[in-house]
Amino acid sequence: MHDEHPEVAADHLRAELVPKRFSGLRMAIDTALGGATIAVYDLVVTRLDTGAEVIRTAADTGDPHHLLGQIQLDLERTSVAGFLEEWRPV
């Protein structure tokens, strides 16, 4: 018997945290303000087949690794259309 699994977004998309690059001025301001004002990572979702970015957003709400975990879980559970409807910024 052939075991088919429903197609999910993770079959086509990948999510990762990408360190942001900052100018010297932004780093100086962040340091002066205590080092916690600038998001350190962007959350980036890319297509597996082309590497093209589908979503890029600042991972600046709470723990960026927790956000990544939520995104990865949704990639495993939902279709591409459902995932994009839920996560793509308007």
PDB file of N, CA and C in Angstrom:
ATOM      1  N   MET A   1       0.843  -1.168   0.000  1.00  0.00           N
ATOM      2  CA  MET A   1       0.000   0.000   0.000  1.00  0.00           C
ATOM      3  C   MET A   1       0.893   1.237   0.000  1.00  0.00           C
ATOM      4  N   HIS A   2       0.567   2.197  -0.837  1.00  0.00           N
ATOM      5  CA  HIS A   2       1.359   3.423  -0.962  1.00  0.00           C
ATOM      6  C   HIS A   2       0.914   4.430   0.085  1.00  0.00           C
ATOM      7  N   ASP A   3       1.836   4.853   0.923  1.00  0.00           N
ATOM      8  CA  ASP A   3       1.511   5.756   2.026  1.00  0.00           C
ATOM      9  C   ASP A   3       1.710   7.199   1.581  1.00  0.00           C
ATOM     10  N   GLU A   4       0.634   7.888   1.287  1.00  0.00           N
ATOM     11  CA  GLU A   4       0.683   9.293   0.868  1.00  0.00           C
ATOM     12  C   GLU A   4       0.448  10.192   2.076  1.00  0.00           C
ATOM     13  N   HIS A   5       1.190  11.288   2.140  1.00  0.00           N
ATOM     14  CA  HIS A   5       0.903  12.281   3.173  1.00  0.00           C
ATOM     15  C   HIS A   5       0.413  13.543   2.481  1.00  0.00           C
ATOM     16  N   PRO A   6      -0.481  14.267   3.119  1.00  0.00           N
ATOM     17  CA  PRO A   6      -0.984  15.494   2.514  1.00  0.00           C
ATOM     18  C   PRO A   6       0.163  16.483   2.306  1.00  0.00           C
ATOM     19  N   GLU A   7       0.109  17.220   1.230  1.00  0.00           N
ATOM     20  CA  GLU A   7       1.143  18.202   0.939  1.00  0.00           C
ATOM     21  C   GLU A   7       1.034  19.354   1.937  1.00  0.00           C
ATOM     22  N   VAL A   8       2.155  19.684   2.546  1.00  0.00           N
ATOM     23  CA  VAL A   8       2.198  20.778   3.524  1.00  0.00           C
ATOM     24  C   VAL A   8       3.214  21.815   3.072  1.00  0.00           C
ATOM     25  N   ALA A   9       3.136  22.988   3.666  1.00  0.00           N
ATOM     26  CA  ALA A   9       4.007  24.096   3.292  1.00  0.00           C
ATOM     27  C   ALA A   9       5.488  23.738   3.430  1.00  0.00           C
ATOM     28  N   ALA A  10       5.835  22.901   4.415  1.00  0.00           N
ATOM     29  CA  ALA A  10       7.236  22.517   4.626  1.00  0.00           C
ATOM     30  C   ALA A  10       7.809  21.741   3.439  1.00  0.00           C
ATOM     31  N   ASP A  11       6.938  21.211   2.574  1.00  0.00           N
ATOM     32  CA  ASP A  11       7.413  20.550   1.360  1.00  0.00           C
ATOM     33  C   ASP A  11       7.963  21.556   0.355  1.00  0.00           C
ATOM     34  N   HIS A  12       7.639  22.850   0.552  1.00  0.00           N
ATOM     35  CA  HIS A  12       7.997  23.877  -0.423  1.00  0.00           C
ATOM     36  C   HIS A  12       8.725  25.086   0.167  1.00  0.00           C
ATOM     37  N   LEU A  13       8.598  25.286   1.488  1.00  0.00           N
ATOM     38  CA  LEU A  13       9.137  26.486   2.124  1.00  0.00           C
ATOM     39  C   LEU A  13      10.021  26.133   3.308  1.00  0.00           C
ATOM     40  N   ARG A  14      10.970  27.027   3.608  1.00  0.00           N
ATOM     41  CA  ARG A  14      11.861  26.866   4.754  1.00  0.00           C
ATOM     42  C   ARG A  14      11.912  28.194   5.511  1.00  0.00           C
ATOM     43  N   ALA A  15      11.964  28.141   6.828  1.00  0.00           N
ATOM     44  CA  ALA A  15      12.069  29.343   7.661  1.00  0.00           C
ATOM     45  C   ALA A  15      13.392  29.314   8.414  1.00  0.00           C
ATOM     46  N   GLU A  16      13.990  30.491   8.573  1.00  0.00           N
ATOM     47  CA  GLU A  16      15.227  30.592   9.342  1.00  0.00           C
ATOM     48  C   GLU A  16      15.377  31.997   9.905  1.00  0.00           C
ATOM     49  N   LEU A  17      16.190  32.104  10.942  1.00  0.00           N
ATOM     50  CA  LEU A  17      16.555  33.397  11.495  1.00  0.00           C
ATOM     51  C   LEU A  17      17.838  33.839  10.825  1.00  0.00           C
ATOM     52  N   VAL A  18      17.843  35.074  10.334  1.00  0.00           N
ATOM     53  CA  VAL A  18      19.013  35.618   9.649  1.00  0.00           C
ATOM     54  C   VAL A  18      19.482  36.840  10.435  1.00  0.00           C
ATOM     55  N   PRO A  19      20.750  36.852  10.870  1.00  0.00           N
ATOM     56  CA  PRO A  19      21.245  38.021  11.602  1.00  0.00           C
ATOM     57  C   PRO A  19      21.148  39.275  10.747  1.00  0.00           C
ATOM     58  N   LYS A  20      20.705  40.366  11.377  1.00  0.00           N
ATOM     59  CA  LYS A  20      20.634  41.648  10.678  1.00  0.00           C
ATOM     60  C   LYS A  20      22.018  42.264  10.614  1.00  0.00           C
ATOM     61  N   ARG A  21      22.228  43.067   9.604  1.00  0.00           N
ATOM     62  CA  ARG A  21      23.474  43.845   9.496  1.00  0.00           C
ATOM     63  C   ARG A  21      23.138  45.281   9.860  1.00  0.00           C
ATOM     64  N   PHE A  22      23.946  45.857  10.730  1.00  0.00           N
ATOM     65  CA  PHE A  22      23.679  47.209  11.204  1.00  0.00           C
ATOM     66  C   PHE A  22      24.821  48.139  10.828  1.00  0.00           C
ATOM     67  N   SER A  23      24.478  49.395  10.593  1.00  0.00           N
ATOM     68  CA  SER A  23      25.497  50.413  10.367  1.00  0.00           C
ATOM     69  C   SER A  23      26.144  50.754  11.705  1.00  0.00           C
ATOM     70  N   GLY A  24      27.284  51.389  11.661  1.00  0.00           N
ATOM     71  CA  GLY A  24      27.975  51.793  12.887  1.00  0.00           C
ATOM     72  C   GLY A  24      27.132  52.723  13.732  1.00  0.00           C
ATOM     73  N   LEU A  25      26.374  53.617  13.089  1.00  0.00           N
ATOM     74  CA  LEU A  25      25.529  54.550  13.818  1.00  0.00           C
ATOM     75  C   LEU A  25      24.417  53.809  14.558  1.00  0.00           C
ATOM     76  N   ARG A  26      23.767  52.870  13.898  1.00  0.00           N
ATOM     77  CA  ARG A  26      22.690  52.106  14.548  1.00  0.00           C
ATOM     78  C   ARG A  26      23.242  51.317  15.732  1.00  0.00           C
ATOM     79  N   MET A  27      24.411  50.725  15.572  1.00  0.00           N
ATOM     80  CA  MET A  27      25.015  49.964  16.666  1.00  0.00           C
ATOM     81  C   MET A  27      25.358  50.887  17.835  1.00  0.00           C
ATOM     82  N   ALA A  28      25.860  52.090  17.540  1.00  0.00           N
ATOM     83  CA  ALA A  28      26.207  53.046  18.596  1.00  0.00           C
ATOM     84  C   ALA A  28      24.962  53.476  19.359  1.00  0.00           C
ATOM     85  N   ILE A  29      23.872  53.729  18.637  1.00  0.00           N
ATOM     86  CA  ILE A  29      22.616  54.117  19.283  1.00  0.00           C
ATOM     87  C   ILE A  29      22.101  52.973  20.148  1.00  0.00           C
ATOM     88  N   ASP A  30      22.120  51.766  19.607  1.00  0.00           N
ATOM     89  CA  ASP A  30      21.654  50.606  20.362  1.00  0.00           C
ATOM     90  C   ASP A  30      22.482  50.415  21.629  1.00  0.00           C
ATOM     91  N   THR A  31      23.776  50.542  21.527  1.00  0.00           N
ATOM     92  CA  THR A  31      24.658  50.388  22.687  1.00  0.00           C
ATOM     93  C   THR A  31      24.363  51.466  23.721  1.00  0.00           C
ATOM     94  N   ALA A  32      24.170  52.703  23.265  1.00  0.00           N
ATOM     95  CA  ALA A  32      23.886  53.806  24.178  1.00  0.00           C
ATOM     96  C   ALA A  32      22.561  53.612  24.910  1.00  0.00           C
ATOM     97  N   LEU A  33      21.620  52.933  24.257  1.00  0.00           N
ATOM     98  CA  LEU A  33      20.301  52.715  24.853  1.00  0.00           C
ATOM     99  C   LEU A  33      20.207  51.388  25.608  1.00  0.00           C
ATOM    100  N   GLY A  34      21.312  50.714  25.784  1.00  0.00           N
ATOM    101  CA  GLY A  34      21.324  49.495  26.587  1.00  0.00           C
ATOM    102  C   GLY A  34      21.345  48.214  25.794  1.00  0.00           C
ATOM    103  N   GLY A  35      21.415  48.297  24.479  1.00  0.00           N
ATOM    104  CA  GLY A  35      21.598  47.106  23.661  1.00  0.00           C
ATOM    105  C   GLY A  35      20.382  46.264  23.403  1.00  0.00           C
ATOM    106  N   ALA A  36      19.179  46.735  23.732  1.00  0.00           N
ATOM    107  CA  ALA A  36      18.008  45.889  23.536  1.00  0.00           C
ATOM    108  C   ALA A  36      16.933  46.556  22.676  1.00  0.00           C
ATOM    109  N   THR A  37      17.308  47.579  21.920  1.00  0.00           N
ATOM    110  CA  THR A  37      16.285  48.308  21.164  1.00  0.00           C
ATOM    111  C   THR A  37      16.137  47.843  19.728  1.00  0.00           C
ATOM    112  N   ILE A  38      17.118  47.164  19.194  1.00  0.00           N
ATOM    113  CA  ILE A  38      17.097  46.762  17.790  1.00  0.00           C
ATOM    114  C   ILE A  38      16.950  45.250  17.692  1.00  0.00           C
ATOM    115  N   ALA A  39      16.020  44.813  16.843  1.00  0.00           N
ATOM    116  CA  ALA A  39      15.878  43.375  16.599  1.00  0.00           C
ATOM    117  C   ALA A  39      17.168  42.862  15.981  1.00  0.00           C
ATOM    118  N   VAL A  40      17.688  41.783  16.505  1.00  0.00           N
ATOM    119  CA  VAL A  40      18.958  41.236  16.046  1.00  0.00           C
ATOM    120  C   VAL A  40      18.769  40.328  14.835  1.00  0.00           C
ATOM    121  N   TYR A  41      17.573  39.751  14.698  1.00  0.00           N
ATOM    122  CA  TYR A  41      17.312  38.806  13.615  1.00  0.00           C
ATOM    123  C   TYR A  41      16.120  39.231  12.769  1.00  0.00           C
ATOM    124  N   ASP A  42      16.174  38.840  11.509  1.00  0.00           N
ATOM    125  CA  ASP A  42      15.000  38.823  10.652  1.00  0.00           C
ATOM    126  C   ASP A  42      14.561  37.375  10.550  1.00  0.00           C
ATOM    127  N   LEU A  43      13.259  37.158  10.500  1.00  0.00           N
ATOM    128  CA  LEU A  43      12.715  35.850  10.202  1.00  0.00           C
ATOM    129  C   LEU A  43      12.493  35.820   8.693  1.00  0.00           C
ATOM    130  N   VAL A  44      13.104  34.859   8.022  1.00  0.00           N
ATOM    131  CA  VAL A  44      13.030  34.780   6.569  1.00  0.00           C
ATOM    132  C   VAL A  44      12.465  33.424   6.163  1.00  0.00           C
ATOM    133  N   VAL A  45      11.441  33.468   5.314  1.00  0.00           N
ATOM    134  CA  VAL A  45      10.857  32.261   4.743  1.00  0.00           C
ATOM    135  C   VAL A  45      11.202  32.259   3.260  1.00  0.00           C
ATOM    136  N   THR A  46      11.807  31.153   2.808  1.00  0.00           N
ATOM    137  CA  THR A  46      12.229  31.051   1.410  1.00  0.00           C
ATOM    138  C   THR A  46      11.640  29.804   0.760  1.00  0.00           C
ATOM    139  N   ARG A  47      11.581  29.853  -0.570  1.00  0.00           N
ATOM    140  CA  ARG A  47      11.158  28.689  -1.347  1.00  0.00           C
ATOM    141  C   ARG A  47      12.310  27.696  -1.402  1.00  0.00           C
ATOM    142  N   LEU A  48      12.012  26.428  -1.246  1.00  0.00           N
ATOM    143  CA  LEU A  48      13.049  25.393  -1.316  1.00  0.00           C
ATOM    144  C   LEU A  48      13.591  25.239  -2.732  1.00  0.00           C
ATOM    145  N   ASP A  49      12.743  25.392  -3.749  1.00  0.00           N
ATOM    146  CA  ASP A  49      13.177  25.139  -5.125  1.00  0.00           C
ATOM    147  C   ASP A  49      14.040  26.248  -5.709  1.00  0.00           C
ATOM    148  N   THR A  50      13.784  27.512  -5.331  1.00  0.00           N
ATOM    149  CA  THR A  50      14.533  28.620  -5.939  1.00  0.00           C
ATOM    150  C   THR A  50      15.349  29.428  -4.946  1.00  0.00           C
ATOM    151  N   GLY A  51      15.049  29.286  -3.660  1.00  0.00           N
ATOM    152  CA  GLY A  51      15.717  30.099  -2.651  1.00  0.00           C
ATOM    153  C   GLY A  51      15.153  31.508  -2.549  1.00  0.00           C
ATOM    154  N   ALA A  52      14.120  31.818  -3.338  1.00  0.00           N
ATOM    155  CA  ALA A  52      13.529  33.154  -3.328  1.00  0.00           C
ATOM    156  C   ALA A  52      12.849  33.424  -1.988  1.00  0.00           C
ATOM    157  N   GLU A  53      13.008  34.650  -1.491  1.00  0.00           N
ATOM    158  CA  GLU A  53      12.355  35.048  -0.251  1.00  0.00           C
ATOM    159  C   GLU A  53      10.859  35.216  -0.481  1.00  0.00           C
ATOM    160  N   VAL A  54      10.084  34.642   0.413  1.00  0.00           N
ATOM    161  CA  VAL A  54       8.635  34.766   0.376  1.00  0.00           C
ATOM    162  C   VAL A  54       8.186  35.752   1.458  1.00  0.00           C
ATOM    163  N   ILE A  55       8.827  35.667   2.615  1.00  0.00           N
ATOM    164  CA  ILE A  55       8.539  36.556   3.743  1.00  0.00           C
ATOM    165  C   ILE A  55       9.863  36.939   4.388  1.00  0.00           C
ATOM    166  N   ARG A  56      10.006  38.227   4.728  1.00  0.00           N
ATOM    167  CA  ARG A  56      11.118  38.708   5.565  1.00  0.00           C
ATOM    168  C   ARG A  56      10.518  39.719   6.522  1.00  0.00           C
ATOM    169  N   THR A  57      10.692  39.457   7.801  1.00  0.00           N
ATOM    170  CA  THR A  57      10.149  40.359   8.812  1.00  0.00           C
ATOM    171  C   THR A  57      11.077  40.368  10.022  1.00  0.00           C
ATOM    172  N   ALA A  58      11.076  41.469  10.743  1.00  0.00           N
ATOM    173  CA  ALA A  58      11.891  41.561  11.952  1.00  0.00           C
ATOM    174  C   ALA A  58      11.361  40.583  12.991  1.00  0.00           C
ATOM    175  N   ALA A  59      12.252  39.821  13.571  1.00  0.00           N
ATOM    176  CA  ALA A  59      11.892  38.882  14.645  1.00  0.00           C
ATOM    177  C   ALA A  59      12.065  39.637  15.960  1.00  0.00           C
ATOM    178  N   ASP A  60      11.178  40.610  16.168  1.00  0.00           N
ATOM    179  CA  ASP A  60      11.351  41.531  17.288  1.00  0.00           C
ATOM    180  C   ASP A  60      10.272  41.436  18.355  1.00  0.00           C
ATOM    181  N   THR A  61       9.490  40.361  18.313  1.00  0.00           N
ATOM    182  CA  THR A  61       8.446  40.166  19.314  1.00  0.00           C
ATOM    183  C   THR A  61       8.812  38.964  20.176  1.00  0.00           C
ATOM    184  N   GLY A  62       9.242  39.216  21.388  1.00  0.00           N
ATOM    185  CA  GLY A  62       9.616  38.121  22.284  1.00  0.00           C
ATOM    186  C   GLY A  62      10.891  37.428  21.825  1.00  0.00           C
ATOM    187  N   ASP A  63      10.970  36.139  22.092  1.00  0.00           N
ATOM    188  CA  ASP A  63      12.143  35.332  21.752  1.00  0.00           C
ATOM    189  C   ASP A  63      12.089  34.947  20.276  1.00  0.00           C
ATOM    190  N   PRO A  64      13.073  35.361  19.474  1.00  0.00           N
ATOM    191  CA  PRO A  64      13.040  35.037  18.041  1.00  0.00           C
ATOM    192  C   PRO A  64      13.057  33.534  17.772  1.00  0.00           C
ATOM    193  N   HIS A  65      13.687  32.750  18.645  1.00  0.00           N
ATOM    194  CA  HIS A  65      13.734  31.303  18.449  1.00  0.00           C
ATOM    195  C   HIS A  65      12.364  30.657  18.687  1.00  0.00           C
ATOM    196  N   HIS A  66      11.602  31.233  19.610  1.00  0.00           N
ATOM    197  CA  HIS A  66      10.232  30.758  19.834  1.00  0.00           C
ATOM    198  C   HIS A  66       9.375  31.048  18.596  1.00  0.00           C
ATOM    199  N   LEU A  67       9.514  32.250  18.036  1.00  0.00           N
ATOM    200  CA  LEU A  67       8.790  32.611  16.813  1.00  0.00           C
ATOM    201  C   LEU A  67       9.147  31.660  15.683  1.00  0.00           C
ATOM    202  N   LEU A  68      10.434  31.372  15.523  1.00  0.00           N
ATOM    203  CA  LEU A  68      10.873  30.434  14.488  1.00  0.00           C
ATOM    204  C   LEU A  68      10.225  29.067  14.705  1.00  0.00           C
ATOM    205  N   GLY A  69      10.175  28.607  15.937  1.00  0.00           N
ATOM    206  CA  GLY A  69       9.539  27.327  16.242  1.00  0.00           C
ATOM    207  C   GLY A  69       8.068  27.314  15.854  1.00  0.00           C
ATOM    208  N   GLN A  70       7.359  28.417  16.127  1.00  0.00           N
ATOM    209  CA  GLN A  70       5.951  28.516  15.747  1.00  0.00           C
ATOM    210  C   GLN A  70       5.788  28.440  14.231  1.00  0.00           C
ATOM    211  N   ILE A  71       6.641  29.169  13.524  1.00  0.00           N
ATOM    212  CA  ILE A  71       6.587  29.181  12.054  1.00  0.00           C
ATOM    213  C   ILE A  71       6.860  27.782  11.517  1.00  0.00           C
ATOM    214  N   GLN A  72       7.889  27.112  12.036  1.00  0.00           N
ATOM    215  CA  GLN A  72       8.232  25.779  11.556  1.00  0.00           C
ATOM    216  C   GLN A  72       7.116  24.779  11.825  1.00  0.00           C
ATOM    217  N   LEU A  73       6.457  24.899  12.959  1.00  0.00           N
ATOM    218  CA  LEU A  73       5.327  24.036  13.262  1.00  0.00           C
ATOM    219  C   LEU A  73       4.189  24.262  12.269  1.00  0.00           C
ATOM    220  N   ASP A  74       3.899  25.521  11.971  1.00  0.00           N
ATOM    221  CA  ASP A  74       2.850  25.816  10.995  1.00  0.00           C
ATOM    222  C   ASP A  74       3.228  25.326   9.597  1.00  0.00           C
ATOM    223  N   LEU A  75       4.498  25.394   9.240  1.00  0.00           N
ATOM    224  CA  LEU A  75       4.940  24.876   7.937  1.00  0.00           C
ATOM    225  C   LEU A  75       4.646  23.381   7.829  1.00  0.00           C
ATOM    226  N   GLU A  76       4.769  22.663   8.947  1.00  0.00           N
ATOM    227  CA  GLU A  76       4.531  21.218   8.961  1.00  0.00           C
ATOM    228  C   GLU A  76       3.049  20.852   8.990  1.00  0.00           C
ATOM    229  N   ARG A  77       2.200  21.793   9.376  1.00  0.00           N
ATOM    230  CA  ARG A  77       0.774  21.499   9.577  1.00  0.00           C
ATOM    231  C   ARG A  77      -0.139  22.015   8.475  1.00  0.00           C
ATOM    232  N   THR A  78       0.249  23.097   7.798  1.00  0.00           N
ATOM    233  CA  THR A  78      -0.675  23.765   6.880  1.00  0.00           C
ATOM    234  C   THR A  78      -0.203  23.696   5.439  1.00  0.00           C
ATOM    235  N   SER A  79      -1.125  23.989   4.541  1.00  0.00           N
ATOM    236  CA  SER A  79      -0.793  24.092   3.122  1.00  0.00           C
ATOM    237  C   SER A  79      -0.024  25.399   2.890  1.00  0.00           C
ATOM    238  N   VAL A  80       0.572  25.532   1.720  1.00  0.00           N
ATOM    239  CA  VAL A  80       1.270  26.776   1.383  1.00  0.00           C
ATOM    240  C   VAL A  80       0.291  27.947   1.443  1.00  0.00           C
ATOM    241  N   ALA A  81      -0.875  27.784   0.832  1.00  0.00           N
ATOM    242  CA  ALA A  81      -1.871  28.866   0.823  1.00  0.00           C
ATOM    243  C   ALA A  81      -2.293  29.231   2.250  1.00  0.00           C
ATOM    244  N   GLY A  82      -2.548  28.234   3.089  1.00  0.00           N
ATOM    245  CA  GLY A  82      -2.937  28.493   4.469  1.00  0.00           C
ATOM    246  C   GLY A  82      -1.830  29.177   5.254  1.00  0.00           C
ATOM    247  N   PHE A  83      -0.595  28.745   5.046  1.00  0.00           N
ATOM    248  CA  PHE A  83       0.540  29.347   5.736  1.00  0.00           C
ATOM    249  C   PHE A  83       0.695  30.811   5.348  1.00  0.00           C
ATOM    250  N   LEU A  84       0.656  31.091   4.046  1.00  0.00           N
ATOM    251  CA  LEU A  84       0.832  32.469   3.580  1.00  0.00           C
ATOM    252  C   LEU A  84      -0.315  33.362   4.047  1.00  0.00           C
ATOM    253  N   GLU A  85      -1.516  32.825   4.083  1.00  0.00           N
ATOM    254  CA  GLU A  85      -2.655  33.600   4.562  1.00  0.00           C
ATOM    255  C   GLU A  85      -2.456  33.978   6.033  1.00  0.00           C
ATOM    256  N   GLU A  86      -1.901  33.078   6.801  1.00  0.00           N
ATOM    257  CA  GLU A  86      -1.704  33.304   8.226  1.00  0.00           C
ATOM    258  C   GLU A  86      -0.516  34.232   8.523  1.00  0.00           C
ATOM    259  N   TRP A  87       0.593  34.065   7.808  1.00  0.00           N
ATOM    260  CA  TRP A  87       1.847  34.716   8.197  1.00  0.00           C
ATOM    261  C   TRP A  87       2.311  35.869   7.324  1.00  0.00           C
ATOM    262  N   ARG A  88       1.868  35.949   6.086  1.00  0.00           N
ATOM    263  CA  ARG A  88       2.364  37.016   5.214  1.00  0.00           C
ATOM    264  C   ARG A  88       1.833  38.358   5.698  1.00  0.00           C
ATOM    265  N   PRO A  89       2.740  39.341   5.917  1.00  0.00           N
ATOM    266  CA  PRO A  89       2.277  40.668   6.352  1.00  0.00           C
ATOM    267  C   PRO A  89       1.367  41.291   5.301  1.00  0.00           C
ATOM    268  N   VAL A  90       0.380  42.025   5.778  1.00  0.00           N
ATOM    269  CA  VAL A  90      -0.581  42.669   4.875  1.00  0.00           C
ATOM    270  C   VAL A  90      -0.047  43.989   4.394  1.00  0.00           C
TER     271      VAL A  90
END
